[in-house]
Amino acid sequence: MGRWIDIARGLCVLAACLAIWTLAGTEAAYAQDADVRGAVQAPAPGTVRIARTPSNRGLWDITVEGGLSLFEDPDGILGEPLPAGVTPFDFSENSFDAALGVRLTIGYRTGNGTRWEARGSWLGNWDASSRQTGQFGFRNGAGGPLLLSPTASTTLANESEVWSGELNWWKTCSCDPCSQLDWGLGGRVIGIDDELTATNWAGLAPDSALASTVENRFLGVQAMVAWKQRPSTSFSWAISGKLLAGWMNRDMVESDTSIVTGGATTNGAREETDFTWGFELEVSALWRVMSRVGITASYTLLYLDEISRVENALDFAQAATGSLQMQDAGDSALIHSFFVGVRIDI
């Protein structure tokens, strides 16, 4: 009877060891974004050795987030630079508030330390308008004398929207239970659209109107690095950086009626493509409220060069052509985003 009691005790101890090992392996998997499996081997009678081997089973994760984004306000004036004492139509009167945004991330982790990630972001739509009274300057040709419009009033409106899509491949190059270093490569597309309108004119022709749009499209690649820390079993935080390089296509279109020509509706258009660069920095945190459910929070800073803002792309120096025309005025974009959401591991 005592022999069977000893065997039962041994089995209970072994079961307890296996349970502890399984729990530890699960926590390590979440700490390292990897999936591990425990295996029990008995190489010799009376000894038990526990070894961990990578699992071939992938692990999906889905993160849904919402938040706020800040985009740089419009700046500059409508038309050519004006002499002192002349009141311009000033775009800086149209100040953007924070805009609502959403982000969806789907990841797939394999057993060899790699992770595929697809992310789509709608960073926001911003709009602002103001009723202003002033004058604008124009020229009938480059280098020609400055001409001034009559004093007039108009409703000047700006609208912008930004979205992003990316497909990334991550590789873990260094990890332990408390920290992890990853690097990766990916593809990226970013859209930044600008629109302005000047309507309801008083002081110009009754049918005066002005509308213009600029579509900025970035298509390129990104090199990435991320460092993650896990101070406890339920909380982790990370900092990541992405360096972007690729091509920026700028498609600029305007239409005006009786602004400077006094004639019928005219149109100007221009398209340019240039090599450009940018970067994205992100600080994020994950708090696991359950083993496979967590709350996320992050701050992201996105910078992109060689874009065109619509208020700077209007060319008032070619009025004799019958249209305001468009000019390629290079600029940059800086966007701050704050997201919170839920991550679910499947």
Protein backbone atom coordinates (compact mmCIF):
# COMPACT_ATOMS: atom_id res chain seq x y z
CA MET A 1 0.00 0.00 0.00
CA GLY A 2 2.84 2.39 0.85
CA ARG A 3 4.40 1.73 -2.56
CA TRP A 4 1.22 2.84 -4.35
CA ILE A 5 1.06 5.95 -2.17
CA ASP A 6 4.64 6.84 -3.17
CA ILE A 7 3.78 6.33 -6.84
CA ALA A 8 0.69 8.52 -6.50
CA ARG A 9 2.73 11.22 -4.80
CA GLY A 10 5.29 11.05 -7.60
CA LEU A 11 2.61 11.40 -10.25
CA CYS A 12 1.13 14.40 -8.42
CA VAL A 13 4.55 16.06 -8.25
CA LEU A 14 5.12 15.39 -11.94
CA ALA A 15 1.67 16.80 -12.83
CA ALA A 16 2.37 19.89 -10.76
CA CYS A 17 5.71 20.40 -12.52
CA LEU A 18 4.05 20.07 -15.90
CA ALA A 19 1.34 22.58 -14.95
CA ILE A 20 3.90 25.10 -13.72
CA TRP A 21 5.98 24.62 -16.86
CA THR A 22 2.96 25.04 -19.12
CA LEU A 23 1.97 28.27 -17.42
CA ALA A 24 5.53 29.57 -17.57
CA GLY A 25 5.76 28.68 -21.23
CA THR A 26 2.51 30.47 -21.96
CA GLU A 27 3.67 33.62 -20.19
CA ALA A 28 6.98 33.49 -22.07
CA ALA A 29 5.08 33.19 -25.32
CA TYR A 30 3.19 36.40 -24.61
CA ALA A 31 6.36 38.11 -23.44
CA GLN A 32 8.27 37.27 -26.61
CA ASP A 33 5.40 37.28 -29.12
CA ALA A 34 6.15 33.62 -29.79
CA ASP A 35 4.33 30.33 -29.15
CA VAL A 36 6.20 27.66 -27.18
CA ARG A 37 5.37 24.10 -26.28
CA GLY A 38 6.50 21.98 -23.34
CA ALA A 39 7.69 18.42 -23.87
CA VAL A 40 8.53 15.79 -21.26
CA GLN A 41 11.32 13.31 -21.86
CA ALA A 42 12.69 10.53 -19.63
CA PRO A 43 16.21 9.80 -20.84
CA ALA A 44 17.00 7.51 -17.96
CA PRO A 45 15.07 5.69 -15.22
CA GLY A 46 14.48 7.85 -12.19
CA THR A 47 15.16 11.17 -13.96
CA VAL A 48 12.84 13.61 -15.69
CA ARG A 49 14.06 16.34 -18.06
CA ILE A 50 11.72 19.05 -19.40
CA ALA A 51 12.66 20.68 -22.71
CA ARG A 52 10.99 23.48 -24.66
CA THR A 53 10.73 23.27 -28.42
CA PRO A 54 9.29 25.85 -30.83
CA SER A 55 5.74 25.24 -31.89
CA ASN A 56 4.86 25.01 -35.55
CA ARG A 57 1.43 26.46 -34.83
CA GLY A 58 1.00 30.11 -35.82
CA LEU A 59 -0.77 32.62 -33.63
CA TRP A 60 -3.08 35.34 -34.94
CA ASP A 61 -3.68 38.65 -33.21
CA ILE A 62 -6.20 41.38 -34.06
CA THR A 63 -6.02 44.92 -32.69
CA VAL A 64 -8.82 47.44 -33.17
CA GLU A 65 -8.11 51.01 -32.05
CA GLY A 66 -9.66 54.43 -32.10
CA GLY A 67 -8.17 57.78 -31.25
CA LEU A 68 -7.34 61.36 -32.14
CA SER A 69 -4.90 62.86 -34.64
CA LEU A 70 -3.43 66.33 -35.02
CA PHE A 71 -2.50 67.68 -38.47
CA GLU A 72 -0.60 70.87 -39.25
CA ASP A 73 -2.86 73.89 -39.80
CA PRO A 74 -3.07 75.61 -43.20
CA ASP A 75 -0.78 78.61 -43.56
CA GLY A 76 0.06 81.36 -46.03
CA ILE A 77 -2.23 83.76 -47.86
CA LEU A 78 -4.46 83.59 -50.90
CA GLY A 79 -2.61 84.94 -53.92
CA GLU A 80 0.71 86.73 -54.40
CA PRO A 81 2.61 88.40 -51.51
CA LEU A 82 1.05 91.77 -50.66
CA PRO A 83 2.62 95.08 -49.71
CA ALA A 84 2.33 96.39 -46.15
CA GLY A 85 -1.01 97.86 -45.26
CA VAL A 86 -3.06 95.55 -47.48
CA THR A 87 -5.26 93.01 -45.67
CA PRO A 88 -4.85 89.51 -47.16
CA PHE A 89 -7.07 86.46 -47.09
CA ASP A 90 -5.18 84.45 -44.48
CA PHE A 91 -5.34 80.64 -44.35
CA SER A 92 -3.98 80.61 -40.80
CA GLU A 93 -7.44 81.75 -39.70
CA ASN A 94 -8.58 78.19 -40.43
CA SER A 95 -7.21 76.24 -37.48
CA PHE A 96 -7.73 72.46 -37.42
CA ASP A 97 -9.06 70.69 -34.32
CA ALA A 98 -8.12 67.13 -33.41
CA ALA A 99 -9.81 64.58 -35.69
CA LEU A 100 -11.12 61.10 -34.95
CA GLY A 101 -9.16 58.19 -36.40
CA VAL A 102 -9.29 54.39 -36.46
CA ARG A 103 -6.64 51.71 -36.92
CA LEU A 104 -6.85 47.97 -37.58
CA THR A 105 -3.84 45.66 -37.22
CA ILE A 106 -3.81 41.94 -38.06
CA GLY A 107 -0.73 39.91 -37.19
CA TYR A 108 0.37 36.31 -37.70
CA ARG A 109 3.26 34.89 -35.70
CA THR A 110 5.04 31.72 -36.75
CA GLY A 111 7.14 29.39 -34.62
CA ASN A 112 10.50 30.57 -35.97
CA GLY A 113 10.50 34.07 -34.51
CA THR A 114 8.87 35.85 -37.46
CA ARG A 115 5.64 37.85 -37.62
CA TRP A 116 3.60 39.12 -40.54
CA GLU A 117 1.58 42.25 -39.96
CA ALA A 118 -1.05 44.11 -42.00
CA ARG A 119 -2.16 47.53 -40.76
CA GLY A 120 -4.67 50.01 -42.11
CA SER A 121 -5.13 53.47 -40.58
CA TRP A 122 -7.60 56.27 -41.11
CA LEU A 123 -5.82 59.09 -39.32
CA GLY A 124 -8.60 61.62 -39.70
CA ASN A 125 -10.50 64.26 -41.63
CA TRP A 126 -9.96 67.90 -40.71
CA ASP A 127 -11.96 70.92 -41.87
CA ALA A 128 -12.19 74.59 -40.94
CA SER A 129 -13.62 77.74 -42.51
CA SER A 130 -13.80 81.46 -41.87
CA ARG A 131 -15.52 84.49 -43.37
CA GLN A 132 -12.87 87.05 -44.32
CA THR A 133 -12.65 90.47 -45.96
CA GLY A 134 -9.52 91.57 -47.77
CA GLN A 135 -7.67 91.58 -51.08
CA PHE A 136 -5.50 89.17 -53.03
CA GLY A 137 -2.63 89.85 -55.40
CA PHE A 138 -2.09 88.41 -58.87
CA ARG A 139 0.11 88.90 -61.95
CA ASN A 140 -0.51 88.49 -65.67
CA GLY A 141 2.83 86.77 -66.08
CA ALA A 142 5.84 85.70 -64.07
CA GLY A 143 7.80 88.81 -63.12
CA GLY A 144 4.97 91.13 -64.15
CA PRO A 145 3.63 93.97 -62.00
CA LEU A 146 1.58 93.10 -58.94
CA LEU A 147 -2.15 93.67 -59.40
CA LEU A 148 -4.67 93.86 -56.57
CA SER A 149 -8.22 92.61 -56.48
CA PRO A 150 -11.01 94.84 -55.24
CA THR A 151 -11.72 94.66 -51.53
CA ALA A 152 -14.06 91.70 -51.20
CA SER A 153 -15.44 89.14 -48.77
CA THR A 154 -15.47 85.35 -49.09
CA THR A 155 -15.90 82.16 -47.12
CA LEU A 156 -12.48 80.51 -47.15
CA ALA A 157 -12.57 76.77 -46.30
CA ASN A 158 -9.87 74.10 -45.94
CA GLU A 159 -10.27 70.33 -45.64
CA SER A 160 -7.64 67.60 -45.28
CA GLU A 161 -7.65 63.84 -44.78
CA VAL A 162 -4.88 61.29 -44.22
CA TRP A 163 -4.88 57.50 -44.47
CA SER A 164 -2.22 54.79 -44.50
CA GLY A 165 -1.80 51.10 -45.34
CA GLU A 166 1.19 48.83 -44.73
CA LEU A 167 2.30 45.19 -44.92
CA ASN A 168 5.27 44.28 -42.73
CA TRP A 169 7.55 41.35 -41.94
CA TRP A 170 9.15 41.26 -38.47
CA LYS A 171 12.01 39.09 -37.21
CA THR A 172 13.08 38.63 -33.59
CA CYS A 173 16.86 38.94 -33.32
CA SER A 174 17.26 39.04 -29.52
CA CYS A 175 14.93 38.17 -26.68
CA ASP A 176 14.73 37.07 -23.06
CA PRO A 177 11.73 36.83 -20.70
CA CYS A 178 11.82 40.59 -20.01
CA SER A 179 12.95 42.26 -23.24
CA GLN A 180 12.93 41.71 -26.99
CA LEU A 181 14.56 43.33 -30.02
CA ASP A 182 12.92 42.99 -33.46
CA TRP A 183 13.73 44.28 -36.91
CA GLY A 184 11.74 44.15 -40.11
CA LEU A 185 10.92 45.31 -43.63
CA GLY A 186 7.65 46.39 -45.16
CA GLY A 187 5.73 48.17 -47.87
CA ARG A 188 3.79 51.38 -47.26
CA VAL A 189 1.21 53.55 -49.01
CA ILE A 190 0.07 56.91 -47.58
CA GLY A 191 -2.56 59.30 -48.88
CA ILE A 192 -2.71 62.98 -47.91
CA ASP A 193 -5.51 64.93 -49.60
CA ASP A 194 -6.01 68.70 -49.37
CA GLU A 195 -8.93 70.80 -50.59
CA LEU A 196 -9.79 74.48 -50.45
CA THR A 197 -12.76 76.52 -51.58
CA ALA A 198 -13.47 80.25 -51.72
CA THR A 199 -17.20 80.81 -52.18
CA ASN A 200 -19.99 83.29 -51.46
CA TRP A 201 -17.96 86.22 -52.75
CA ALA A 202 -19.12 89.78 -52.18
CA GLY A 203 -17.28 92.51 -54.06
CA LEU A 204 -16.31 90.41 -57.09
CA ALA A 205 -18.52 89.10 -59.90
CA PRO A 206 -21.74 87.45 -58.66
CA ASP A 207 -20.68 84.01 -59.93
CA SER A 208 -17.11 84.14 -58.55
CA ALA A 209 -15.87 80.85 -57.10
CA LEU A 210 -12.61 79.03 -56.53
CA ALA A 211 -11.97 75.36 -55.73
CA SER A 212 -8.75 73.36 -55.71
CA THR A 213 -7.57 69.91 -54.63
CA VAL A 214 -4.19 68.23 -54.19
CA GLU A 215 -3.84 64.45 -53.88
CA ASN A 216 -0.51 63.28 -52.43
CA ARG A 217 0.21 59.57 -52.83
CA PHE A 218 3.29 57.97 -51.27
CA LEU A 219 4.30 54.45 -52.34
CA GLY A 220 7.49 52.95 -50.95
CA VAL A 221 9.23 50.66 -48.49
CA GLN A 222 10.15 50.94 -44.83
CA ALA A 223 12.90 49.53 -42.61
CA MET A 224 11.80 48.94 -39.03
CA VAL A 225 13.19 48.25 -35.57
CA ALA A 226 11.32 47.71 -32.28
CA TRP A 227 12.45 47.25 -28.69
CA LYS A 228 9.96 45.72 -26.23
CA GLN A 229 10.04 45.53 -22.45
CA ARG A 230 7.87 43.39 -20.17
CA PRO A 231 8.25 44.41 -16.52
CA SER A 232 5.39 42.14 -15.39
CA THR A 233 3.36 39.21 -16.64
CA SER A 234 0.40 41.43 -17.57
CA PHE A 235 2.07 44.65 -18.76
CA SER A 236 4.49 45.39 -21.60
CA TRP A 237 5.59 48.47 -23.52
CA ALA A 238 7.53 49.06 -26.73
CA ILE A 239 9.20 51.76 -28.78
CA SER A 240 9.56 51.38 -32.56
CA GLY A 241 10.92 53.35 -35.49
CA LYS A 242 10.27 53.10 -39.22
CA LEU A 243 12.34 54.78 -41.94
CA LEU A 244 10.34 55.33 -45.15
CA ALA A 245 11.67 55.81 -48.69
CA GLY A 246 9.79 55.85 -51.97
CA TRP A 247 7.96 57.94 -54.54
CA MET A 248 5.49 60.74 -53.98
CA ASN A 249 2.94 61.51 -56.68
CA ARG A 250 1.19 64.90 -56.45
CA ASP A 251 -1.94 65.44 -58.54
CA MET A 252 -3.08 69.11 -58.41
CA VAL A 253 -6.28 70.50 -59.94
CA GLU A 254 -8.11 73.83 -59.64
CA SER A 255 -11.12 75.51 -61.16
CA ASP A 256 -12.09 79.18 -60.88
CA THR A 257 -14.91 81.33 -62.12
CA SER A 258 -14.56 85.11 -62.51
CA ILE A 259 -11.74 85.38 -59.96
CA VAL A 260 -9.14 87.27 -61.98
CA THR A 261 -10.20 86.80 -65.61
CA GLY A 262 -13.83 87.85 -65.30
CA GLY A 263 -14.71 85.12 -67.77
CA ALA A 264 -16.14 81.63 -67.75
CA THR A 265 -14.89 78.77 -65.60
CA THR A 266 -11.27 77.91 -66.23
CA ASN A 267 -9.16 75.03 -65.01
CA GLY A 268 -5.52 74.42 -64.23
CA ALA A 269 -3.84 71.10 -63.48
CA ARG A 270 -0.38 69.74 -62.77
CA GLU A 271 1.11 66.37 -61.81
CA GLU A 272 4.55 65.71 -60.35
CA THR A 273 6.37 62.64 -59.01
CA ASP A 274 9.53 62.80 -56.89
CA PHE A 275 11.60 60.54 -54.65
CA THR A 276 10.97 61.28 -50.99
CA TRP A 277 11.50 59.99 -47.47
CA GLY A 278 9.89 60.04 -44.05
CA PHE A 279 9.82 58.36 -40.68
CA GLU A 280 7.40 57.12 -38.06
CA LEU A 281 8.04 56.80 -34.32
CA GLU A 282 5.69 54.97 -31.99
CA VAL A 283 5.52 54.36 -28.24
CA SER A 284 2.95 51.75 -27.24
CA ALA A 285 1.78 49.79 -24.22
CA LEU A 286 -0.20 46.58 -23.71
CA TRP A 287 -2.03 45.61 -20.53
CA ARG A 288 -3.41 42.09 -20.54
CA VAL A 289 -6.71 41.86 -18.70
CA MET A 290 -6.99 38.19 -19.71
CA SER A 291 -4.50 35.71 -21.11
CA ARG A 292 -5.52 36.48 -24.70
CA VAL A 293 -7.19 39.89 -24.36
CA GLY A 294 -5.37 43.15 -23.78
CA ILE A 295 -5.89 46.91 -23.72
CA THR A 296 -3.57 48.93 -25.96
CA ALA A 297 -2.46 52.56 -25.94
CA SER A 298 0.00 54.30 -28.27
CA TYR A 299 1.38 57.60 -29.49
CA THR A 300 2.61 57.87 -33.11
CA LEU A 301 4.54 60.63 -34.86
CA LEU A 302 4.52 60.48 -38.68
CA TYR A 303 6.69 62.75 -40.85
CA LEU A 304 6.60 62.76 -44.66
CA ASP A 305 8.52 65.06 -47.02
CA GLU A 306 7.77 66.32 -50.54
CA ILE A 307 4.03 66.75 -50.22
CA SER A 308 2.02 69.71 -51.54
CA ARG A 309 -0.48 71.66 -49.45
CA VAL A 310 -3.25 73.08 -51.56
CA GLU A 311 -2.99 76.64 -50.27
CA ASN A 312 0.63 76.81 -51.48
CA ALA A 313 -0.01 75.13 -54.84
CA LEU A 314 -2.21 77.85 -56.37
CA ASP A 315 -0.28 80.02 -58.86
CA PHE A 316 -1.66 83.57 -59.08
CA ALA A 317 1.25 84.72 -61.27
CA GLN A 318 -0.20 83.37 -64.54
CA ALA A 319 -3.60 85.11 -64.61
CA ALA A 320 -3.22 86.06 -68.28
CA THR A 321 -3.54 82.38 -69.23
CA GLY A 322 -7.21 82.46 -68.28
CA SER A 323 -6.63 80.27 -65.21
CA LEU A 324 -4.87 80.55 -61.89
CA GLN A 325 -2.81 77.45 -62.77
CA MET A 326 -1.06 75.18 -60.28
CA GLN A 327 2.54 75.26 -59.08
CA ASP A 328 4.65 72.50 -57.52
CA ALA A 329 5.31 73.90 -54.04
CA GLY A 330 7.09 71.24 -51.97
CA ASP A 331 6.22 70.98 -48.30
CA SER A 332 6.16 68.39 -45.52
CA ALA A 333 3.57 66.85 -43.22
CA LEU A 334 3.81 66.15 -39.48
CA ILE A 335 0.99 64.16 -37.87
CA HIS A 336 0.54 63.25 -34.20
CA SER A 337 -1.80 60.35 -33.37
CA PHE A 338 -3.06 58.89 -30.08
CA PHE A 339 -4.79 55.49 -30.12
CA VAL A 340 -6.40 53.20 -27.56
CA GLY A 341 -8.00 49.87 -28.31
CA VAL A 342 -8.34 46.15 -27.74
CA ARG A 343 -6.03 43.33 -28.83
CA ILE A 344 -7.26 39.75 -29.09
CA ASP A 345 -4.95 36.75 -29.63
CA ILE A 346 -6.49 33.82 -31.46
